[in-house]
Amino acid sequence: MITLLSKIFIKDGGDVSSARVRGAYGTLCGIMGIILNILLFFIKLAAGVISGSISIMADAFNNLTDAGSSVITLIGFRMSGQKPDKDHPFGHGRIEYISGLIVSMLIILVGFELGKSSLEKIITPEPVEFSIVAVIILVCSILIKAYMALYNFSIGKKISSSAMRATAQDSLNDTIATAAVLLCLIISRLTSLDIDAYCGLAVSGFILFSGLRAVKETMDPLLGTPPSEDFIKNIENIVYSYEGVEGIHDLIVHDYGPARTMISLHAEVPCDADLLKTHDMIDNIEKDLRERMGCDAVIHMDPIATNDELTKSVREKVASLVTCIDSELTIHDFRMVTGPTHTNVIFDVVVPYGIKKSDTEIRKNVETIVKSIDENYFSVINIDRSYV
């Protein structure tokens, strides 16, 4: 159904890099989520009233919360699609993350309230009445929720949306929770065990777990996360495809919401190359990245000596030796300035965040390495951190 509706209502549906297309998919899935979740709420509430089951009514109110979540997600997608303005020159894309965070907090609140109700029923139990109508309703609910999880996962992957993936996971959790409620209802019918309230408590646990996971899913991009390996690889492939680029470093990716990305990087170029030709090449790389990756790029040129055999030889030695300190250490911006009494060896050492050694310790170790190559070499080292 979603595939059919997307073909009817979404023009250029294949261009998922477009903010307009992403917003259209988010709107379509949001409206479908509202309709289906409200429908499930009413039929489950009816089943809960008929059977007197707290777990079924808990599951019903979970669906009502999902409907509210779909409303907030829908509003978030619509607002995030607004064009940049003077107050928000980078656009409104992060509203999608904020709307997801609000939904997550609502999910946690409902999970807490339903857990409280289940505990009260454990303390003061009430009989549950088995109803074939309730069973049929729960089976239909499982099928509907499984379908919602399927299309939300599919669309979330298609448009690379963490909000949609969180919604899909929530639907999958609902499918499992409703199946558990159905199982408890059947067990209560076939045996003398009254586990309805305990099942309601388990459902509230699922809701709380889903809410906490959704909080992390939406908080991470707000705080700032590194780009994917594929994204980095695509950038490197484009930049290195230009003859004259000797190396790339200090790559930073700024995420202002889905399909709204800015990147900056340093490109090492031969120091003896024609300045105007090199500048023109950099302009072409920035244009290529914008057209092929859908991101604005700013590239800084770093001139390096490519024809000086001594510099190349010392650089290779230092690059090899620093891996003895830690295999993940790398260097860049390497140059040598020769004076009457000594030679300054100037470079940056890139230290990933996972390395436990302090900057001071790493700097001393690297200085020792440089001295081991030649006593007249003095290190001028900058400790650099990788953002990717």
Protein backbone atom coordinates (compact mmCIF):
# COMPACT_ATOMS: atom_id res chain seq x y z
CA MET A 1 0.00 0.00 0.00
CA ILE A 2 2.76 2.45 0.95
CA THR A 3 4.59 1.71 -2.31
CA LEU A 4 1.44 2.37 -4.30
CA LEU A 5 0.64 5.59 -2.40
CA SER A 6 4.21 6.84 -2.79
CA LYS A 7 4.01 6.35 -6.56
CA ILE A 8 0.75 8.31 -6.67
CA PHE A 9 1.58 11.20 -4.32
CA ILE A 10 5.39 11.58 -4.41
CA LYS A 11 6.87 13.00 -7.59
CA ASP A 12 10.54 12.17 -8.27
CA GLY A 13 10.33 9.60 -5.47
CA GLY A 14 13.68 8.15 -6.45
CA ASP A 15 15.57 11.35 -5.59
CA VAL A 16 15.87 10.65 -1.85
CA SER A 17 18.68 13.21 -1.51
CA SER A 18 16.07 15.92 -1.98
CA ALA A 19 14.72 17.43 1.26
CA ARG A 20 11.31 17.77 -0.42
CA VAL A 21 11.15 14.07 -1.32
CA ARG A 22 12.31 13.02 2.16
CA GLY A 23 9.64 15.26 3.68
CA ALA A 24 7.00 13.73 1.38
CA TYR A 25 7.94 10.20 2.48
CA GLY A 26 7.91 11.27 6.13
CA THR A 27 4.49 12.89 5.70
CA LEU A 28 3.02 9.84 3.99
CA CYS A 29 4.33 7.42 6.64
CA GLY A 30 3.25 9.79 9.42
CA ILE A 31 -0.34 9.98 8.14
CA MET A 32 -0.52 6.21 7.72
CA GLY A 33 0.87 5.75 11.23
CA ILE A 34 -1.76 8.09 12.72
CA ILE A 35 -4.66 6.33 10.96
CA LEU A 36 -3.55 2.77 11.75
CA ASN A 37 -2.57 3.47 15.36
CA ILE A 38 -5.86 5.24 16.17
CA LEU A 39 -7.73 2.31 14.60
CA LEU A 40 -5.71 -0.14 16.70
CA PHE A 41 -6.31 1.91 19.85
CA PHE A 42 -10.09 1.76 19.55
CA ILE A 43 -10.34 -1.92 18.66
CA LYS A 44 -7.86 -2.94 21.40
CA LEU A 45 -9.60 -0.74 23.94
CA ALA A 46 -12.85 -2.50 23.07
CA ALA A 47 -11.14 -5.88 23.45
CA GLY A 48 -9.70 -4.82 26.81
CA VAL A 49 -13.09 -3.67 28.11
CA ILE A 50 -14.74 -6.91 26.95
CA SER A 51 -12.11 -9.14 28.57
CA GLY A 52 -11.19 -6.90 31.53
CA SER A 53 -7.52 -7.38 30.64
CA ILE A 54 -5.12 -4.71 31.87
CA SER A 55 -2.44 -5.93 29.48
CA ILE A 56 -4.71 -5.47 26.44
CA MET A 57 -5.72 -1.98 27.60
CA ALA A 58 -2.06 -1.18 28.25
CA ASP A 59 -1.29 -2.28 24.71
CA ALA A 60 -4.18 -0.11 23.45
CA PHE A 61 -2.84 3.02 25.12
CA ASN A 62 0.58 2.16 23.74
CA ASN A 63 -0.96 2.44 20.25
CA LEU A 64 -2.54 5.78 21.19
CA THR A 65 0.91 6.99 22.17
CA ASP A 66 2.22 5.74 18.84
CA ALA A 67 -0.46 7.81 17.09
CA GLY A 68 0.67 10.88 19.01
CA SER A 69 4.25 10.03 18.09
CA SER A 70 3.26 9.88 14.43
CA VAL A 71 1.68 13.34 14.72
CA ILE A 72 4.89 14.79 16.19
CA THR A 73 7.02 12.99 13.60
CA LEU A 74 4.76 14.32 10.84
CA ILE A 75 5.08 17.89 12.16
CA GLY A 76 8.84 17.40 12.50
CA PHE A 77 9.23 16.30 8.88
CA ARG A 78 7.10 19.21 7.68
CA MET A 79 9.05 21.79 9.70
CA SER A 80 12.46 20.31 8.85
CA GLY A 81 11.65 20.75 5.16
CA GLN A 82 11.49 24.53 5.48
CA LYS A 83 14.04 26.51 3.52
CA PRO A 84 16.95 28.26 5.27
CA ASP A 85 16.29 31.80 6.47
CA LYS A 86 18.27 34.64 8.03
CA ASP A 87 17.81 33.19 11.54
CA HIS A 88 18.62 29.62 10.47
CA PRO A 89 21.04 29.81 7.52
CA PHE A 90 21.81 26.09 7.74
CA GLY A 91 18.14 25.13 7.43
CA HIS A 92 15.75 23.43 9.84
CA GLY A 93 16.78 19.79 9.31
CA ARG A 94 17.58 19.10 12.97
CA ILE A 95 13.92 19.62 13.87
CA GLU A 96 13.46 16.01 12.71
CA TYR A 97 15.80 14.90 15.49
CA ILE A 98 14.11 17.16 18.06
CA SER A 99 10.66 15.80 17.17
CA GLY A 100 12.03 12.28 17.61
CA LEU A 101 13.37 13.22 21.05
CA ILE A 102 9.94 14.56 22.11
CA VAL A 103 8.32 11.32 20.93
CA SER A 104 10.89 9.32 22.91
CA MET A 105 10.06 11.18 26.12
CA LEU A 106 6.33 10.59 25.59
CA ILE A 107 6.96 6.88 25.09
CA ILE A 108 8.92 6.71 28.36
CA LEU A 109 6.13 8.56 30.22
CA VAL A 110 3.44 6.18 28.96
CA GLY A 111 5.60 3.14 29.74
CA PHE A 112 6.02 4.38 33.31
CA GLU A 113 2.27 4.97 33.78
CA LEU A 114 1.34 1.57 32.36
CA GLY A 115 3.91 -0.12 34.56
CA LYS A 116 2.37 1.62 37.56
CA SER A 117 -1.13 0.38 36.58
CA SER A 118 0.15 -3.18 36.15
CA LEU A 119 1.78 -3.16 39.58
CA GLU A 120 -1.48 -1.99 41.12
CA LYS A 121 -3.31 -4.91 39.51
CA ILE A 122 -0.68 -7.34 40.79
CA ILE A 123 -1.39 -6.09 44.29
CA THR A 124 -5.19 -6.15 43.78
CA PRO A 125 -5.85 -8.75 41.04
CA GLU A 126 -9.07 -8.89 39.03
CA PRO A 127 -10.31 -11.83 36.93
CA VAL A 128 -9.77 -11.76 33.16
CA GLU A 129 -12.59 -12.94 30.93
CA PHE A 130 -11.55 -14.86 27.80
CA SER A 131 -13.13 -13.62 24.58
CA ILE A 132 -12.72 -15.00 21.06
CA VAL A 133 -13.39 -11.46 19.79
CA ALA A 134 -10.41 -10.19 21.78
CA VAL A 135 -8.23 -12.94 20.33
CA ILE A 136 -9.24 -12.06 16.76
CA ILE A 137 -8.59 -8.36 17.44
CA LEU A 138 -5.12 -9.09 18.82
CA VAL A 139 -4.22 -11.31 15.85
CA CYS A 140 -5.27 -8.54 13.44
CA SER A 141 -3.26 -6.05 15.48
CA ILE A 142 -0.13 -8.21 15.24
CA LEU A 143 -0.47 -8.39 11.44
CA ILE A 144 -1.03 -4.63 11.10
CA LYS A 145 1.90 -3.74 13.35
CA ALA A 146 4.18 -6.18 11.52
CA TYR A 147 3.21 -4.48 8.26
CA MET A 148 3.91 -1.03 9.78
CA ALA A 149 7.33 -2.18 10.97
CA LEU A 150 8.09 -3.54 7.49
CA TYR A 151 7.24 -0.35 5.58
CA ASN A 152 8.84 1.96 8.17
CA PHE A 153 12.09 -0.02 8.02
CA SER A 154 11.96 0.08 4.23
CA ILE A 155 11.33 3.84 4.02
CA GLY A 156 13.82 4.57 6.82
CA LYS A 157 16.53 2.74 4.87
CA LYS A 158 15.48 4.39 1.60
CA ILE A 159 15.71 7.98 2.89
CA SER A 160 18.39 7.32 5.58
CA SER A 161 16.17 8.57 8.42
CA SER A 162 16.96 7.71 12.04
CA ALA A 163 13.47 8.92 13.02
CA MET A 164 11.82 6.45 10.61
CA ARG A 165 14.06 3.62 11.76
CA ALA A 166 13.12 4.37 15.38
CA THR A 167 9.44 4.31 14.41
CA ALA A 168 9.96 0.99 12.66
CA GLN A 169 11.67 -0.50 15.71
CA ASP A 170 8.82 0.76 17.88
CA SER A 171 6.31 -0.99 15.61
CA LEU A 172 8.34 -4.20 15.81
CA ASN A 173 8.39 -3.94 19.62
CA ASP A 174 4.60 -3.47 19.55
CA THR A 175 4.25 -6.61 17.45
CA ILE A 176 6.22 -8.61 20.03
CA ALA A 177 4.35 -7.02 22.95
CA THR A 178 0.92 -7.74 21.44
CA ALA A 179 1.96 -11.32 20.73
CA ALA A 180 2.93 -11.64 24.40
CA VAL A 181 -0.47 -10.26 25.46
CA LEU A 182 -2.24 -12.77 23.19
CA LEU A 183 -0.14 -15.61 24.59
CA CYS A 184 -1.01 -14.62 28.17
CA LEU A 185 -4.70 -14.48 27.31
CA ILE A 186 -4.56 -17.99 25.88
CA ILE A 187 -2.55 -19.30 28.86
CA SER A 188 -5.10 -17.79 31.26
CA ARG A 189 -7.86 -19.60 29.35
CA LEU A 190 -6.14 -23.00 29.27
CA THR A 191 -4.75 -22.93 32.82
CA SER A 192 -5.60 -21.42 36.17
CA LEU A 193 -2.63 -19.05 36.00
CA ASP A 194 -3.53 -15.34 36.20
CA ILE A 195 -0.55 -13.66 34.53
CA ASP A 196 -2.38 -10.75 32.91
CA ALA A 197 -0.96 -8.07 35.21
CA TYR A 198 2.54 -9.49 34.84
CA CYS A 199 2.14 -9.41 31.09
CA GLY A 200 1.01 -5.76 31.35
CA LEU A 201 4.19 -5.08 33.33
CA ALA A 202 6.23 -6.76 30.58
CA VAL A 203 4.50 -4.62 27.94
CA SER A 204 5.34 -1.47 29.90
CA GLY A 205 8.95 -2.70 30.05
CA PHE A 206 9.00 -3.02 26.25
CA ILE A 207 7.65 0.51 25.96
CA LEU A 208 10.26 1.91 28.35
CA PHE A 209 13.05 0.07 26.55
CA SER A 210 11.80 1.36 23.20
CA GLY A 211 11.65 4.92 24.56
CA LEU A 212 15.17 4.83 26.00
CA ARG A 213 16.57 3.44 22.76
CA ALA A 214 14.72 6.12 20.77
CA VAL A 215 16.23 8.79 23.05
CA LYS A 216 19.73 7.58 22.15
CA GLU A 217 18.81 7.32 18.45
CA THR A 218 17.73 10.96 18.35
CA MET A 219 20.23 12.43 20.83
CA ASP A 220 23.31 11.10 19.03
CA PRO A 221 22.93 13.22 15.87
CA LEU A 222 22.05 16.27 17.98
CA LEU A 223 25.26 15.87 19.99
CA GLY A 224 27.27 15.02 16.88
CA THR A 225 28.33 11.64 15.54
CA PRO A 226 31.02 10.67 13.01
CA PRO A 227 29.90 10.02 9.42
CA SER A 228 29.58 6.50 8.08
CA GLU A 229 32.58 4.72 6.55
CA ASP A 230 30.80 4.65 3.18
CA PHE A 231 30.29 8.42 3.26
CA ILE A 232 33.99 8.99 4.03
CA LYS A 233 35.03 6.53 1.33
CA ASN A 234 32.89 8.28 -1.27
CA ILE A 235 34.45 11.64 -0.38
CA GLU A 236 37.96 10.19 -0.62
CA ASN A 237 37.23 8.55 -3.97
CA ILE A 238 36.03 11.84 -5.44
CA VAL A 239 38.91 13.94 -4.09
CA TYR A 240 41.64 11.43 -5.00
CA SER A 241 40.25 11.12 -8.53
CA TYR A 242 41.84 14.52 -9.28
CA GLU A 243 45.46 14.36 -10.36
CA GLY A 244 47.47 16.64 -8.11
CA VAL A 245 45.92 15.68 -4.76
CA GLU A 246 48.62 13.93 -2.74
CA GLY A 247 46.68 13.40 0.48
CA ILE A 248 43.61 14.26 2.55
CA HIS A 249 43.36 15.05 6.23
CA ASP A 250 41.36 17.03 8.83
CA LEU A 251 38.08 15.91 7.29
CA ILE A 252 35.13 17.28 9.30
CA VAL A 253 31.49 16.57 8.53
CA HIS A 254 28.87 18.97 9.90
CA ASP A 255 25.37 17.46 10.05
CA TYR A 256 22.56 20.02 10.06
CA GLY A 257 19.88 17.39 9.52
CA PRO A 258 19.21 14.74 6.87
CA ALA A 259 20.28 15.84 3.37
CA ARG A 260 21.86 18.99 4.89
CA THR A 261 25.57 18.35 5.26
CA MET A 262 28.64 20.56 5.14
CA ILE A 263 32.18 19.19 4.98
CA SER A 264 35.63 20.70 5.29
CA LEU A 265 38.96 19.04 4.60
CA HIS A 266 42.61 19.74 3.87
CA ALA A 267 44.02 18.57 0.54
CA GLU A 268 47.78 18.15 0.21
CA VAL A 269 49.08 19.48 -3.12
CA PRO A 270 52.60 19.85 -4.59
CA CYS A 271 54.22 23.06 -3.36
CA ASP A 272 55.76 23.74 -6.78
CA ALA A 273 52.48 23.42 -8.72
CA ASP A 274 50.90 26.39 -10.47
CA LEU A 275 48.85 28.21 -7.83
CA LEU A 276 46.01 29.28 -10.15
CA LYS A 277 45.67 25.80 -11.67
CA THR A 278 45.64 24.21 -8.22
CA HIS A 279 43.02 26.68 -7.00
CA ASP A 280 40.89 25.89 -10.04
CA MET A 281 41.21 22.17 -9.30
CA ILE A 282 40.07 22.72 -5.71
CA ASP A 283 37.04 24.68 -6.96
CA ASN A 284 36.16 21.78 -9.27
CA ILE A 285 36.45 19.26 -6.41
CA GLU A 286 34.12 21.35 -4.25
CA LYS A 287 31.61 21.55 -7.11
CA ASP A 288 31.90 17.80 -7.73
CA LEU A 289 31.27 17.00 -4.06
CA ARG A 290 28.24 19.28 -4.01
CA GLU A 291 26.70 17.67 -7.11
CA ARG A 292 27.51 14.03 -6.36
CA MET A 293 27.34 13.96 -2.55
CA GLY A 294 24.72 16.68 -1.98
CA CYS A 295 26.91 18.54 0.50
CA ASP A 296 28.64 21.91 0.59
CA ALA A 297 32.41 21.54 0.78
CA VAL A 298 35.25 23.85 1.86
CA ILE A 299 38.74 22.63 0.98
CA HIS A 300 41.98 24.08 2.34
CA MET A 301 45.14 23.63 0.26
CA ASP A 302 48.23 22.33 2.09
CA PRO A 303 51.41 22.60 -0.04
CA ILE A 304 53.90 19.78 0.49
CA ALA A 305 57.29 18.97 -0.98
CA THR A 306 56.88 16.13 -3.47
CA ASN A 307 60.22 16.43 -5.33
CA ASP A 308 62.51 16.64 -2.29
CA GLU A 309 63.86 13.11 -1.82
CA LEU A 310 65.18 13.80 1.70
CA THR A 311 61.81 15.11 2.90
CA LYS A 312 60.00 12.14 1.34
CA SER A 313 62.43 9.68 2.91
CA VAL A 314 62.24 11.19 6.41
CA ARG A 315 58.43 11.43 6.19
CA GLU A 316 58.16 7.74 5.31
CA LYS A 317 60.43 6.80 8.22
CA VAL A 318 58.49 8.90 10.74
CA ALA A 319 55.13 7.61 9.44
CA SER A 320 56.34 4.04 9.86
CA LEU A 321 57.93 4.54 13.28
CA VAL A 322 54.95 6.30 14.92
CA THR A 323 52.92 3.12 14.42
CA CYS A 324 55.26 1.51 16.96
CA ILE A 325 53.68 3.82 19.56
CA ASP A 326 50.19 2.86 18.40
CA SER A 327 49.13 1.23 15.13
CA GLU A 328 46.35 3.82 14.65
CA LEU A 329 48.61 6.88 14.73
CA THR A 330 49.14 8.72 11.43
CA ILE A 331 50.91 11.92 10.36
CA HIS A 332 50.28 14.70 7.84
CA ASP A 333 51.37 18.25 6.90
CA PHE A 334 54.98 17.05 6.95
CA ARG A 335 57.73 19.54 6.06
CA MET A 336 61.35 20.24 6.96
CA VAL A 337 63.03 23.60 7.52
CA THR A 338 66.83 23.41 7.47
CA GLY A 339 68.90 25.88 9.50
CA PRO A 340 72.64 26.35 10.17
CA THR A 341 72.70 24.19 13.32
CA HIS A 342 69.61 21.97 13.13
CA THR A 343 66.59 21.05 11.04
CA ASN A 344 63.02 21.57 12.22
CA VAL A 345 60.80 18.60 11.34
CA ILE A 346 57.24 19.94 11.39
CA PHE A 347 54.14 17.76 11.19
CA ASP A 348 50.79 16.85 12.75
CA VAL A 349 50.14 13.57 14.55
CA VAL A 350 46.56 12.33 14.26
CA VAL A 351 45.43 10.66 17.50
CA PRO A 352 42.10 8.77 17.45
CA TYR A 353 39.93 9.17 20.57
CA GLY A 354 40.28 5.49 21.48
CA ILE A 355 43.99 5.82 22.28
CA LYS A 356 44.59 5.96 26.03
CA LYS A 357 47.97 7.70 26.05
CA SER A 358 48.04 11.40 26.87
CA ASP A 359 49.03 14.03 24.31
CA THR A 360 52.15 14.81 26.33
CA GLU A 361 53.22 11.17 26.37
CA ILE A 362 52.63 10.77 22.63
CA ARG A 363 54.56 13.98 21.87
CA LYS A 364 57.58 12.81 23.90
CA ASN A 365 57.55 9.39 22.22
CA VAL A 366 57.39 10.96 18.75
CA GLU A 367 60.22 13.39 19.59
CA THR A 368 62.36 10.41 20.61
CA ILE A 369 61.57 8.70 17.30
CA VAL A 370 62.58 11.77 15.28
CA LYS A 371 65.82 12.09 17.27
CA SER A 372 66.59 8.44 16.54
CA ILE A 373 66.64 9.27 12.82
CA ASP A 374 69.06 12.18 13.19
CA GLU A 375 70.32 13.98 16.31
CA ASN A 376 70.05 17.34 14.51
CA TYR A 377 66.33 16.92 13.86
CA PHE A 378 64.12 19.00 16.17
CA SER A 379 60.43 18.07 16.28
CA VAL A 380 57.68 20.66 15.98
CA ILE A 381 54.61 18.54 16.58
CA ASN A 382 50.92 19.38 16.64
CA ILE A 383 48.62 16.77 18.18
CA ASP A 384 45.53 16.51 15.99
CA ARG A 385 42.23 14.73 16.66
CA SER A 386 40.26 12.84 14.04
CA TYR A 387 36.57 13.76 13.66
CA VAL A 388 35.75 10.83 11.36
